[in-house]
């Protein structure tokens, strides 16, 4: 295990800024096309702001969540980066730019990545921070389930479509911008049949080789030909919705994701499709929350 110790933790600001400039210059040199001078894109003041932000994130992580970046954590992060990188040549250039110094690489390259990941994980799972959004979503769900119970008690007089319309209206109430609709195909996605391709595809392969692909085409923009498949949803969400949305008017539980809370209402369910209306309430903004931690100093 590398012994970063207090040397890495106490690196002075000037050294950090110089190393950050060396690292960013490597990334900059790999950018393609015309570009202004590096010093114009990332002047010293910007680089210092970037370094100070990294230091403040580390301080917030420790102050708010009691997490200290130890040598063991940093060593593990360096090993993860070394074994999973998809750009080993660029990584080698960065290490060379930092004098092939393990401490400098860990401090300037690995630590900010580690701190950002840990801080976001803590923030995303902070129940106290996101309690207002959860309470609002639970309130909406209670309104929906109560209304559904009332409608179903009168099922002999009220058609099913009236129930779903009522629930969708409640879902849109006060949150119309956060509501969306989707119809999933429940069957397996059909295999693409090999063929000669369109005229555009044939011409593209003539000019750029057999492996060339068209990323978009006029035909791709035809919404009628586009289908969304339930199998593309995460396995965990598939399991939940398959159990909870069995018929029109069913309401899902409140589902938490790293970025927000979801609530589903089944509009239509057949053997081939599941049509739902979804309310998505975002959690508190990470950037906004972090900017409000200005009182925490490195």
Protein backbone atom coordinates (compact mmCIF):
# COMPACT_ATOMS: atom_id res chain seq x y z
CA UNK A 1 0.00 0.00 0.00
CA UNK A 2 1.27 3.47 -0.85
CA UNK A 3 2.02 5.67 2.15
CA UNK A 4 0.55 9.01 1.16
CA UNK A 5 0.30 10.17 4.75
CA UNK A 6 0.19 13.80 5.76
CA UNK A 7 2.34 14.90 2.83
CA UNK A 8 -0.50 14.39 0.37
CA UNK A 9 -3.16 15.74 2.73
CA UNK A 10 -1.22 18.93 3.43
CA UNK A 11 -0.09 19.74 -0.11
CA UNK A 12 -0.01 23.51 -0.49
CA UNK A 13 -2.34 25.33 -2.84
CA UNK A 14 0.35 26.45 -5.28
CA UNK A 15 1.58 22.91 -5.79
CA UNK A 16 -1.96 21.63 -6.24
CA UNK A 17 -2.70 24.31 -8.84
CA UNK A 18 0.51 23.57 -10.75
CA UNK A 19 -0.24 19.85 -10.79
CA UNK A 20 -3.84 20.48 -11.80
CA UNK A 21 -2.60 22.61 -14.71
CA UNK A 22 -0.25 19.82 -15.81
CA UNK A 23 -3.07 17.29 -15.68
CA UNK A 24 -5.58 19.49 -17.50
CA UNK A 25 -3.02 20.28 -20.19
CA UNK A 26 -2.80 16.59 -21.05
CA UNK A 27 -6.58 16.42 -21.47
CA UNK A 28 -6.51 19.65 -23.47
CA UNK A 29 -3.84 18.33 -25.84
CA UNK A 30 -6.09 15.38 -26.68
CA UNK A 31 -8.99 17.63 -27.70
CA UNK A 32 -9.49 17.60 -31.44
CA UNK A 33 -10.12 20.50 -33.77
CA UNK A 34 -9.25 24.15 -33.55
CA UNK A 35 -8.93 25.48 -30.02
CA UNK A 36 -7.74 28.62 -28.28
CA UNK A 37 -4.52 28.57 -26.25
CA UNK A 38 -4.62 26.50 -23.07
CA UNK A 39 -3.91 29.57 -20.92
CA UNK A 40 -7.00 31.23 -22.38
CA UNK A 41 -9.26 28.26 -21.72
CA UNK A 42 -7.95 27.55 -18.21
CA UNK A 43 -6.21 30.63 -16.80
CA UNK A 44 -4.59 30.41 -13.33
CA UNK A 45 -7.67 31.88 -11.61
CA UNK A 46 -9.95 29.17 -13.04
CA UNK A 47 -7.53 26.42 -12.09
CA UNK A 48 -7.33 27.77 -8.54
CA UNK A 49 -11.14 27.83 -8.32
CA UNK A 50 -11.24 24.19 -9.43
CA UNK A 51 -8.69 23.19 -6.79
CA UNK A 52 -10.47 25.13 -4.06
CA UNK A 53 -13.77 23.49 -5.00
CA UNK A 54 -12.18 20.04 -4.70
CA UNK A 55 -10.81 20.95 -1.27
CA UNK A 56 -14.18 22.27 -0.15
CA UNK A 57 -15.94 19.10 -1.27
CA UNK A 58 -13.52 17.08 0.84
CA UNK A 59 -14.22 19.33 3.82
CA UNK A 60 -18.01 19.01 3.31
CA UNK A 61 -17.69 15.23 3.11
CA UNK A 62 -15.92 15.18 6.45
CA UNK A 63 -18.04 17.81 8.19
CA UNK A 64 -21.47 16.70 6.97
CA UNK A 65 -21.00 12.93 6.82
CA UNK A 66 -17.96 12.19 8.96
CA UNK A 67 -16.01 10.62 6.09
CA UNK A 68 -12.25 11.21 6.00
CA UNK A 69 -10.19 10.28 2.96
CA UNK A 70 -7.62 7.90 4.41
CA UNK A 71 -4.53 6.50 2.75
CA UNK A 72 -6.28 3.14 2.44
CA UNK A 73 -9.26 4.66 0.62
CA UNK A 74 -6.99 6.61 -1.68
CA UNK A 75 -4.83 3.60 -2.43
CA UNK A 76 -7.92 1.58 -3.34
CA UNK A 77 -9.10 4.35 -5.66
CA UNK A 78 -5.73 4.51 -7.42
CA UNK A 79 -5.84 0.75 -7.94
CA UNK A 80 -9.41 0.98 -9.29
CA UNK A 81 -8.38 3.68 -11.76
CA UNK A 82 -5.31 1.76 -12.90
CA UNK A 83 -7.25 -1.45 -13.52
CA UNK A 84 -10.41 -0.01 -15.10
CA UNK A 85 -9.17 2.87 -17.22
CA UNK A 86 -10.26 2.86 -20.86
CA UNK A 87 -7.50 5.29 -21.80
CA UNK A 88 -4.26 3.83 -20.48
CA UNK A 89 -2.13 5.96 -22.79
CA UNK A 90 -3.68 9.19 -21.54
CA UNK A 91 -3.37 7.99 -17.96
CA UNK A 92 0.32 7.30 -18.55
CA UNK A 93 0.77 10.81 -19.97
CA UNK A 94 -0.85 12.30 -16.88
CA UNK A 95 1.43 10.33 -14.60
CA UNK A 96 4.46 11.51 -16.62
CA UNK A 97 3.24 15.11 -16.42
CA UNK A 98 3.14 14.69 -12.64
CA UNK A 99 6.71 13.42 -12.55
CA UNK A 100 5.62 9.80 -12.11
CA UNK A 101 5.10 10.73 -8.46
CA UNK A 102 2.55 8.39 -6.85
CA UNK A 103 1.61 10.94 -4.16
CA UNK A 104 1.01 13.76 -6.64
CA UNK A 105 -1.06 11.48 -8.90
CA UNK A 106 -3.16 10.23 -6.00
CA UNK A 107 -3.71 13.74 -4.63
CA UNK A 108 -4.47 15.60 -7.85
CA UNK A 109 -6.09 12.92 -10.01
CA UNK A 110 -7.53 10.17 -7.82
CA UNK A 111 -8.69 12.04 -4.72
CA UNK A 112 -11.11 14.48 -6.43
CA UNK A 113 -12.77 11.53 -8.21
CA UNK A 114 -13.08 9.60 -4.94
CA UNK A 115 -14.39 12.60 -2.99
CA UNK A 116 -16.98 13.46 -5.64
CA UNK A 117 -18.28 9.89 -5.79
CA UNK A 118 -18.52 9.49 -2.01
CA UNK A 119 -20.10 12.91 -1.50
CA UNK A 120 -22.73 12.32 -4.18
CA UNK A 121 -23.54 8.88 -2.75
CA UNK A 122 -24.02 10.36 0.71
CA UNK A 123 -26.10 13.23 -0.66
CA UNK A 124 -28.30 10.96 -2.81
CA UNK A 125 -29.06 8.73 0.19
CA UNK A 126 -29.51 11.50 2.77
CA UNK A 127 -33.08 10.92 3.96
CA UNK A 128 -33.21 14.16 5.92
CA UNK A 129 -32.24 16.30 2.92
CA UNK A 130 -34.85 14.73 0.64
CA UNK A 131 -37.64 14.28 3.19
CA UNK A 132 -39.85 17.13 1.80
CA UNK A 133 -39.94 15.56 -1.67
CA UNK A 134 -40.68 12.12 -0.25
CA UNK A 135 -43.49 13.50 1.94
CA UNK A 136 -45.03 15.25 -1.05
CA UNK A 137 -44.91 12.09 -3.10
CA UNK A 138 -46.40 10.01 -0.29
CA UNK A 139 -49.20 12.57 0.07
CA UNK A 140 -49.98 12.33 -3.64
CA UNK A 141 -49.97 8.54 -3.49
CA UNK A 142 -52.40 8.60 -0.54
CA UNK A 143 -54.76 10.86 -2.52
CA UNK A 144 -54.55 8.49 -5.48
CA UNK A 145 -55.19 5.32 -3.52
CA UNK A 146 -58.08 6.91 -1.60
CA UNK A 147 -59.68 8.08 -4.84
CA UNK A 148 -59.16 4.67 -6.42
CA UNK A 149 -60.87 2.98 -3.47
CA UNK A 150 -63.86 5.31 -3.73
CA UNK A 151 -64.18 4.76 -7.48
CA UNK A 152 -63.89 1.00 -7.20
CA UNK A 153 -66.57 0.94 -4.51
CA UNK A 154 -68.84 2.40 -7.19
CA UNK A 155 -67.53 0.20 -10.01
CA UNK A 156 -71.02 -0.72 -11.16
CA UNK A 157 -71.69 2.94 -11.96
CA UNK A 158 -68.25 4.23 -12.97
CA UNK A 159 -66.34 2.87 -16.01
CA UNK A 160 -62.67 1.96 -15.66
CA UNK A 161 -61.53 4.73 -17.99
CA UNK A 162 -63.17 7.30 -15.69
CA UNK A 163 -61.05 5.98 -12.82
CA UNK A 164 -57.79 6.25 -14.74
CA UNK A 165 -58.69 9.73 -15.99
CA UNK A 166 -59.38 10.84 -12.42
CA UNK A 167 -56.09 9.42 -11.15
CA UNK A 168 -54.07 10.95 -13.98
CA UNK A 169 -55.73 14.32 -13.29
CA UNK A 170 -54.73 14.06 -9.62
CA UNK A 171 -51.21 13.14 -10.67
CA UNK A 172 -50.96 16.21 -12.87
CA UNK A 173 -52.41 18.52 -10.22
CA UNK A 174 -49.69 20.99 -9.16
CA UNK A 175 -47.03 18.89 -10.92
CA UNK A 176 -47.96 18.94 -14.61
CA UNK A 177 -44.37 19.57 -15.72
CA UNK A 178 -43.16 16.46 -13.91
CA UNK A 179 -45.70 14.07 -15.46
CA UNK A 180 -44.97 11.88 -18.47
CA UNK A 181 -46.59 8.97 -20.26
CA UNK A 182 -45.15 5.84 -21.83
CA UNK A 183 -46.47 2.62 -23.31
CA UNK A 184 -44.15 -0.34 -22.85
CA UNK A 185 -44.17 -3.38 -25.11
CA UNK A 186 -44.21 -6.40 -22.79
CA UNK A 187 -42.84 -8.89 -25.30
CA UNK A 188 -39.21 -9.37 -26.18
CA UNK A 189 -37.64 -6.93 -28.58
CA UNK A 190 -37.65 -8.50 -32.06
CA UNK A 191 -34.32 -9.33 -33.59
CA UNK A 192 -33.24 -7.06 -36.39
CA UNK A 193 -33.33 -8.85 -39.69
CA UNK A 194 -30.24 -8.45 -41.86
CA UNK A 195 -30.93 -6.76 -45.15
CA UNK A 196 -29.51 -4.62 -47.86
CA UNK A 197 -30.28 -1.45 -45.95
CA UNK A 198 -31.52 1.91 -47.12
CA UNK A 199 -29.92 3.91 -49.90
CA UNK A 200 -28.25 6.12 -47.28
CA UNK A 201 -26.78 3.09 -45.51
CA UNK A 202 -25.48 1.57 -48.75
CA UNK A 203 -23.82 4.83 -49.77
CA UNK A 204 -22.33 5.27 -46.29
CA UNK A 205 -20.78 1.79 -46.33
CA UNK A 206 -19.34 2.45 -49.81
CA UNK A 207 -17.64 5.62 -48.60
CA UNK A 208 -16.58 4.69 -45.07
CA UNK A 209 -16.47 0.90 -44.91
CA UNK A 210 -18.72 -2.01 -44.05
CA UNK A 211 -18.81 -1.23 -40.32
CA UNK A 212 -20.03 2.35 -40.74
CA UNK A 213 -23.42 3.12 -39.18
CA UNK A 214 -25.96 5.91 -39.57
CA UNK A 215 -26.65 7.41 -36.18
CA UNK A 216 -29.90 9.01 -37.27
CA UNK A 217 -32.02 9.15 -40.37
CA UNK A 218 -35.33 10.65 -41.51
CA UNK A 219 -36.98 7.27 -40.96
CA UNK A 220 -35.74 7.18 -37.35
CA UNK A 221 -37.73 10.28 -36.57
CA UNK A 222 -41.08 8.60 -37.33
CA UNK A 223 -42.59 8.25 -33.83
CA UNK A 224 -45.15 5.71 -35.06
CA UNK A 225 -42.34 3.25 -35.81
CA UNK A 226 -40.68 3.67 -32.44
CA UNK A 227 -41.49 1.28 -29.60
CA UNK A 228 -40.37 1.22 -25.99
CA UNK A 229 -39.79 -2.18 -24.43
CA UNK A 230 -40.38 -3.11 -20.81
CA UNK A 231 -37.26 -5.27 -20.86
CA UNK A 232 -35.16 -2.09 -21.19
CA UNK A 233 -36.27 -0.99 -17.71
CA UNK A 234 -34.00 -2.01 -14.82
CA UNK A 235 -34.66 -5.53 -13.54
CA UNK A 236 -35.54 -4.22 -10.07
CA UNK A 237 -38.14 -1.80 -11.47
CA UNK A 238 -39.58 -4.50 -13.72
CA UNK A 239 -40.17 -6.72 -10.69
CA UNK A 240 -41.89 -3.95 -8.72
CA UNK A 241 -44.14 -2.72 -11.52
CA UNK A 242 -45.08 -6.24 -12.68
CA UNK A 243 -46.51 -6.94 -9.23
CA UNK A 244 -48.03 -3.55 -8.45
CA UNK A 245 -49.51 -2.53 -11.84
CA UNK A 246 -51.74 -5.46 -12.76
CA UNK A 247 -54.78 -3.56 -14.05
CA UNK A 248 -55.86 -0.03 -15.08
CA UNK A 249 -56.04 2.31 -12.09
CA UNK A 250 -53.37 0.51 -10.04
CA UNK A 251 -50.92 2.82 -8.27
CA UNK A 252 -47.32 1.87 -7.56
CA UNK A 253 -45.42 2.45 -4.35
CA UNK A 254 -43.19 5.52 -4.17
CA UNK A 255 -39.94 4.46 -5.82
CA UNK A 256 -36.71 6.22 -4.87
CA UNK A 257 -33.88 6.66 -7.35
CA UNK A 258 -30.55 8.46 -6.87
CA UNK A 259 -31.98 11.58 -8.50
CA UNK A 260 -35.61 11.60 -7.36
CA UNK A 261 -38.88 9.83 -6.55
CA UNK A 262 -41.21 8.07 -8.99
CA UNK A 263 -44.90 7.20 -8.85
CA UNK A 264 -46.70 5.19 -11.55
CA UNK A 265 -50.38 4.87 -12.46
CA UNK A 266 -51.44 2.12 -14.85
CA UNK A 267 -53.64 3.53 -17.63
CA UNK A 268 -54.00 0.35 -19.65
CA UNK A 269 -52.77 -3.22 -19.30
CA UNK A 270 -53.01 -5.93 -21.97
CA UNK A 271 -51.05 -9.07 -22.66
CA UNK A 272 -48.87 -7.08 -25.05
CA UNK A 273 -48.55 -3.62 -23.51
CA UNK A 274 -48.48 -1.65 -20.26
CA UNK A 275 -49.36 2.04 -20.53
CA UNK A 276 -48.49 4.20 -17.53
CA UNK A 277 -48.49 7.79 -16.41
CA UNK A 278 -45.47 8.69 -14.29
CA UNK A 279 -44.87 11.46 -11.79
CA UNK A 280 -41.18 12.19 -11.25
CA UNK A 281 -40.20 14.56 -8.46
CA UNK A 282 -36.49 15.43 -8.45
CA UNK A 283 -34.54 15.44 -5.24
CA UNK A 284 -32.86 18.58 -3.99
CA UNK A 285 -30.18 19.78 -6.39
CA UNK A 286 -26.70 18.55 -5.50
CA UNK A 287 -25.10 21.71 -6.92
CA UNK A 288 -27.49 23.99 -5.01
CA UNK A 289 -26.90 22.10 -1.77
CA UNK A 290 -23.13 22.20 -2.23
CA UNK A 291 -23.15 25.94 -2.91
CA UNK A 292 -25.00 26.44 0.38
CA UNK A 293 -22.15 24.76 2.25
CA UNK A 294 -19.99 27.87 1.78
CA UNK A 295 -19.43 28.15 5.53
CA UNK A 296 -17.44 24.92 5.51
CA UNK A 297 -13.77 25.64 4.84
CA UNK A 298 -10.98 23.18 3.97
